[in-house]
Protein backbone atom coordinates (compact mmCIF):
# COMPACT_ATOMS: atom_id res chain seq x y z
CA MET A 1 111.28 107.80 72.52
CA ILE A 2 111.06 111.59 72.85
CA ALA A 3 107.75 113.41 73.20
CA GLN A 4 107.15 115.11 69.86
CA GLY A 5 106.28 118.37 71.58
CA LEU A 6 109.79 118.59 73.02
CA VAL A 7 111.34 117.94 69.62
CA ASP A 8 109.09 120.52 67.98
CA ASP A 9 110.03 123.18 70.55
CA ILE A 10 113.75 122.71 69.88
CA VAL A 11 113.37 122.61 66.11
CA ALA A 12 111.02 125.61 66.02
CA ARG A 13 113.63 127.73 67.81
CA ALA A 14 116.28 126.61 65.33
CA LEU A 15 114.03 127.44 62.37
CA ARG A 16 113.31 130.92 63.75
CA GLU A 17 117.04 131.50 64.19
CA ASP A 18 117.80 130.40 60.62
CA ALA A 19 114.95 132.17 58.80
CA PRO A 20 113.39 134.77 61.12
CA TRP A 21 111.68 136.57 58.21
CA GLY A 22 111.64 133.75 55.67
CA ASP A 23 114.20 132.63 53.10
CA LEU A 24 115.18 135.69 51.06
CA THR A 25 117.10 133.67 48.46
CA ALA A 26 114.37 131.11 47.81
CA ALA A 27 111.63 133.74 47.67
CA ALA A 28 113.54 135.84 45.13
CA PHE A 29 114.92 133.14 42.85
CA LEU A 30 112.70 130.05 43.00
CA PRO A 31 109.38 130.00 41.13
CA GLU A 32 106.58 129.52 43.65
CA PRO A 33 104.99 126.50 41.96
CA SER A 34 108.25 124.53 41.69
CA THR A 35 108.57 121.30 43.64
CA ALA A 36 111.55 119.20 44.64
CA THR A 37 112.36 115.79 46.00
CA ALA A 38 115.54 115.16 47.95
CA ASP A 39 117.50 112.35 49.57
CA LEU A 40 119.39 112.62 52.83
CA VAL A 41 122.61 110.83 51.85
CA ALA A 42 125.51 109.71 54.03
CA ARG A 43 128.94 110.94 52.93
CA GLU A 44 130.70 108.77 55.54
CA ALA A 45 129.95 105.76 57.73
CA GLY A 46 128.16 106.16 61.04
CA VAL A 47 125.13 105.40 63.21
CA PHE A 48 121.94 107.32 62.55
CA SER A 49 120.07 109.47 65.04
CA GLY A 50 117.87 112.54 64.77
CA GLY A 51 115.08 111.28 62.54
CA ASP A 52 112.37 112.99 64.59
CA ALA A 53 114.21 116.32 64.50
CA PHE A 54 114.84 115.96 60.75
CA ARG A 55 111.13 115.34 60.13
CA ALA A 56 110.13 118.25 62.32
CA ALA A 57 112.38 120.71 60.48
CA PHE A 58 110.41 120.14 57.28
CA ALA A 59 106.95 119.64 58.81
CA LEU A 60 107.17 122.87 60.84
CA THR A 61 108.44 124.81 57.83
CA ASP A 62 105.62 123.65 55.56
CA PRO A 63 103.01 120.94 56.25
CA ALA A 64 102.91 120.32 52.50
CA ILE A 65 106.35 118.67 52.66
CA ARG A 66 106.36 114.88 52.97
CA VAL A 67 109.20 113.17 54.84
CA PHE A 68 109.42 109.42 54.35
CA GLU A 69 111.72 106.39 54.43
CA VAL A 70 113.49 107.80 57.49
CA ALA A 71 116.08 105.38 58.91
CA ALA A 72 115.38 103.99 62.37
CA GLU A 73 117.34 105.34 65.34
CA GLY A 74 120.57 103.40 65.78
CA THR A 75 120.78 102.25 62.15
CA PRO A 76 124.40 101.77 61.00
CA PHE A 77 125.10 103.26 57.57
CA GLN A 78 127.81 103.50 54.95
CA PRO A 79 128.75 106.24 52.47
CA GLY A 80 126.07 106.60 49.81
CA ASP A 81 123.24 105.19 51.93
CA VAL A 82 119.95 107.10 51.76
CA LEU A 83 118.71 107.84 55.28
CA ALA A 84 115.53 109.78 54.48
CA ARG A 85 113.57 111.29 51.60
CA VAL A 86 111.58 114.51 51.39
CA ALA A 87 109.27 115.94 48.74
CA GLY A 88 107.32 119.15 48.48
CA PRO A 89 107.42 122.81 47.48
CA ALA A 90 111.00 123.63 46.48
CA ARG A 91 111.09 126.91 48.41
CA SER A 92 110.08 125.19 51.63
CA VAL A 93 112.36 122.18 51.17
CA LEU A 94 115.40 124.42 50.74
CA GLN A 95 114.40 126.67 53.63
CA ALA A 96 114.24 123.72 56.02
CA GLU A 97 117.28 121.93 54.60
CA ARG A 98 120.06 123.34 56.78
CA VAL A 99 118.29 122.97 60.13
CA GLY A 100 117.25 119.41 59.32
CA ILE A 101 120.74 118.41 58.18
CA ASN A 102 122.50 120.18 61.07
CA LEU A 103 120.47 118.31 63.66
CA ALA A 104 120.78 114.93 61.92
CA GLN A 105 124.55 115.40 61.49
CA ARG A 106 125.08 116.41 65.11
CA LEU A 107 122.94 113.65 66.58
CA SER A 108 124.35 110.98 64.29
CA GLY A 109 127.80 112.09 65.42
CA VAL A 110 126.82 111.51 69.05
CA ALA A 111 125.31 108.10 68.24
CA THR A 112 128.38 107.09 66.22
CA LEU A 113 130.87 108.05 68.93
CA THR A 114 128.76 106.31 71.58
CA ALA A 115 128.65 103.13 69.50
CA ARG A 116 132.46 103.14 69.34
CA PHE A 117 132.75 103.37 73.12
CA VAL A 118 130.13 100.65 73.59
CA ALA A 119 131.95 98.36 71.14
CA ALA A 120 135.22 98.93 72.98
CA VAL A 121 133.80 97.48 76.23
CA ALA A 122 131.68 94.74 74.65
CA GLY A 123 131.49 91.60 76.77
CA THR A 124 132.47 93.30 80.04
CA GLY A 125 128.96 94.11 81.27
CA VAL A 126 130.02 97.72 81.85
CA ARG A 127 127.58 100.49 80.95
CA ILE A 128 128.76 103.49 78.96
CA ALA A 129 126.82 106.53 80.18
CA ASP A 130 126.58 110.16 79.16
CA THR A 131 126.87 113.21 81.43
CA ARG A 132 125.27 116.66 81.69
CA LYS A 133 128.00 118.05 79.40
CA THR A 134 125.47 118.52 76.62
CA THR A 135 124.82 121.34 74.16
CA PRO A 136 122.51 123.82 75.93
CA GLY A 137 119.00 123.38 74.58
CA LEU A 138 119.74 120.06 72.87
CA ARG A 139 120.02 117.73 75.87
CA VAL A 140 116.86 115.73 75.20
CA LEU A 141 117.97 115.07 71.60
CA GLU A 142 121.59 114.30 72.47
CA ARG A 143 120.58 111.88 75.22
CA ALA A 144 118.35 110.06 72.72
CA ALA A 145 121.34 109.90 70.36
CA VAL A 146 123.42 108.30 73.14
CA ARG A 147 120.73 105.63 73.51
CA ALA A 148 120.68 105.15 69.73
CA GLY A 149 124.41 104.40 69.92
CA GLY A 150 123.84 101.75 72.60
CA GLY A 151 124.80 103.89 75.59
CA ALA A 152 122.92 104.65 78.80
CA ASN A 153 121.73 107.95 80.19
CA HIS A 154 122.95 109.45 83.46
CA ARG A 155 120.68 111.83 85.38
CA PHE A 156 118.85 114.17 83.03
CA SER A 157 119.08 117.27 85.20
CA LEU A 158 119.92 118.57 88.65
CA SER A 159 116.35 117.80 89.70
CA ASP A 160 116.05 114.05 89.16
CA ALA A 161 119.01 112.49 90.99
CA VAL A 162 121.64 113.43 93.56
CA MET A 163 125.31 113.76 92.66
CA VAL A 164 127.52 115.13 95.41
CA LYS A 165 130.71 116.33 93.74
CA ASP A 166 134.05 117.62 95.03
CA ASN A 167 132.85 121.21 95.35
CA HIS A 168 129.80 120.10 97.33
CA LEU A 169 132.04 118.10 99.65
CA ALA A 170 134.34 121.08 100.18
CA VAL A 171 131.40 123.21 101.33
CA LEU A 172 129.85 120.38 103.36
CA THR A 173 132.95 119.70 105.43
CA ALA A 174 134.05 123.33 105.85
CA SER A 175 132.10 123.57 109.11
CA GLY A 176 134.15 120.77 110.64
CA ALA A 177 131.52 118.02 110.34
CA SER A 178 132.82 114.62 109.31
CA LEU A 179 132.21 113.53 105.74
CA THR A 180 129.98 110.66 106.87
CA GLU A 181 127.89 112.90 109.15
CA ALA A 182 127.48 115.58 106.51
CA LEU A 183 126.34 113.07 103.91
CA ARG A 184 123.93 111.33 106.29
CA ALA A 185 122.34 114.67 107.17
CA GLY A 186 121.74 115.47 103.51
CA ILE A 187 120.41 111.99 102.72
CA SER A 188 117.91 112.30 105.58
CA ARG A 189 116.36 115.29 103.82
CA LEU A 190 115.87 113.47 100.51
CA PRO A 191 112.85 111.49 99.32
CA HIS A 192 113.38 107.79 99.89
CA THR A 193 113.29 107.24 96.12
CA ALA A 194 116.30 109.48 95.39
CA HIS A 195 119.43 107.77 94.07
CA VAL A 196 122.56 109.19 95.68
CA VAL A 197 125.88 109.33 93.82
CA VAL A 198 128.96 110.70 95.60
CA GLU A 199 132.17 111.57 93.76
CA VAL A 200 135.50 110.85 95.44
CA ASP A 201 138.98 111.76 94.27
CA GLY A 202 141.03 109.47 96.51
CA LEU A 203 140.91 106.01 98.07
CA GLY A 204 140.79 107.52 101.57
CA GLN A 205 137.33 108.97 100.97
CA ILE A 206 135.71 105.66 100.05
CA GLU A 207 135.01 104.28 103.54
CA PRO A 208 133.55 107.51 104.99
CA VAL A 209 131.30 107.84 101.93
CA LEU A 210 130.15 104.22 102.04
CA ALA A 211 129.39 104.57 105.75
CA ALA A 212 126.77 107.20 104.87
CA GLY A 213 124.79 104.63 102.86
CA VAL A 214 125.16 106.00 99.32
CA ASP A 215 123.95 104.13 96.23
CA THR A 216 126.82 104.83 93.83
CA ILE A 217 130.38 105.89 94.45
CA LEU A 218 132.06 107.71 91.57
CA LEU A 219 135.82 107.30 91.31
CA ASP A 220 136.91 110.47 89.56
CA ASN A 221 140.17 110.64 87.61
CA PHE A 222 141.59 107.55 89.32
CA SER A 223 144.59 105.75 87.88
CA LEU A 224 144.04 102.17 86.72
CA PRO A 225 145.71 100.67 89.83
CA ASP A 226 143.59 102.90 92.09
CA LEU A 227 140.42 101.98 90.20
CA ARG A 228 141.17 98.30 90.83
CA ALA A 229 141.89 99.02 94.49
CA GLY A 230 138.72 101.09 94.78
CA VAL A 231 136.54 98.34 93.33
CA ARG A 232 138.05 95.86 95.80
CA GLN A 233 137.47 98.26 98.68
CA VAL A 234 133.83 98.91 97.78
CA ALA A 235 133.35 95.13 97.51
CA GLY A 236 129.80 95.31 96.18
CA ARG A 237 128.49 97.66 98.88
CA ALA A 238 127.58 100.25 96.24
CA GLN A 239 127.62 100.59 92.49
CA VAL A 240 130.99 101.83 91.23
CA GLU A 241 131.24 104.43 88.49
CA ALA A 242 134.42 105.65 86.84
CA SER A 243 134.74 109.04 85.21
CA GLY A 244 137.35 111.55 84.12
CA GLY A 245 139.83 111.35 81.28
CA VAL A 246 137.97 108.53 79.54
CA THR A 247 139.08 108.07 75.93
CA LEU A 248 138.47 105.36 73.35
CA ARG A 249 142.07 104.26 73.81
CA ARG A 250 141.67 103.81 77.59
CA VAL A 251 138.04 102.77 78.02
CA ALA A 252 138.61 99.01 77.68
CA GLU A 253 141.33 99.13 80.35
CA ILE A 254 139.01 101.09 82.64
CA ALA A 255 136.23 98.55 82.10
CA ALA A 256 138.62 95.72 83.00
CA THR A 257 139.11 97.15 86.50
CA GLY A 258 135.66 95.88 87.51
CA VAL A 259 133.66 99.11 87.60
CA ASP A 260 129.94 98.98 86.80
CA VAL A 261 129.51 102.23 84.86
CA ILE A 262 131.85 104.49 82.90
CA SER A 263 130.51 108.00 82.35
CA VAL A 264 131.94 109.82 79.34
CA GLY A 265 131.43 113.53 78.83
CA ALA A 266 133.02 113.27 75.39
CA LEU A 267 129.95 111.46 74.02
CA THR A 268 128.20 114.81 73.79
CA HIS A 269 130.79 117.54 74.25
CA SER A 270 133.32 116.18 71.75
CA ALA A 271 131.33 114.24 69.16
CA THR A 272 132.13 115.23 65.57
CA ALA A 273 129.17 115.76 63.26
CA ILE A 274 128.75 113.07 60.62
CA ASP A 275 128.85 114.36 57.05
CA LEU A 276 125.35 114.11 55.58
CA GLY A 277 124.02 115.88 52.51
CA LEU A 278 120.64 116.58 50.97
CA ASP A 279 120.73 115.73 47.26
CA VAL A 280 117.88 117.61 45.57
CA ARG A 281 116.07 116.59 42.40
CA VAL A 282 113.83 119.22 40.84
CA ALA A 283 110.45 118.08 39.58
């Protein structure tokens, strides 16, 4: 569930971008008293997300618009299915149309792609998680779409969890300190509630990282044999996450190596928008 204020902030910016001085076409060509009803219709199969943003696009444009029968987050749909209905002043409905559709298409694309990854690892107990590779300004909506598709969320921002990546490690060890010492020093400065993830790019880094007492070890761009070896080496002493080069074709093989989490940047950076349309009926 997303706080409505956050959704409204995102949608309001999109509406200002799309119609900063109103809708010139609608104002010039549509009679002011005219009304319209419209259905949000799927042109292809997918998993729905973005209902709150779709509602907000119309409500913020004109409170006189009603939005109803909105599909629940995570609802699978087929071509021709009606996912929402709107009714109100025709000028306002058409002004809000593009922003509402754009957001619903984008977020349903994220949910649909996530659902495919989740289905590919069904029965393994492995979590499919997103990353911070989100569209700037849309993270809160895209993360909700990942959840709608059955996935899990990684850290939301740089502020709520620790992830020590390869570039951090390069700086940390440049002074000559051992990897274990450098990590322990940083961990000592953290709140006791902070979850610490450390990314490694080779099997030789696993023991020094584990010796520092980290919570999750991320095996980045490991081959399948090295992932299996890494899981055996960790032996339950930390949660094991795999990332890097994860595709639908490979994800089941990665899950079979015994990792706990697979993080997939593609869920948000490479999702294709689902084709949705707003079919208008003039009243």
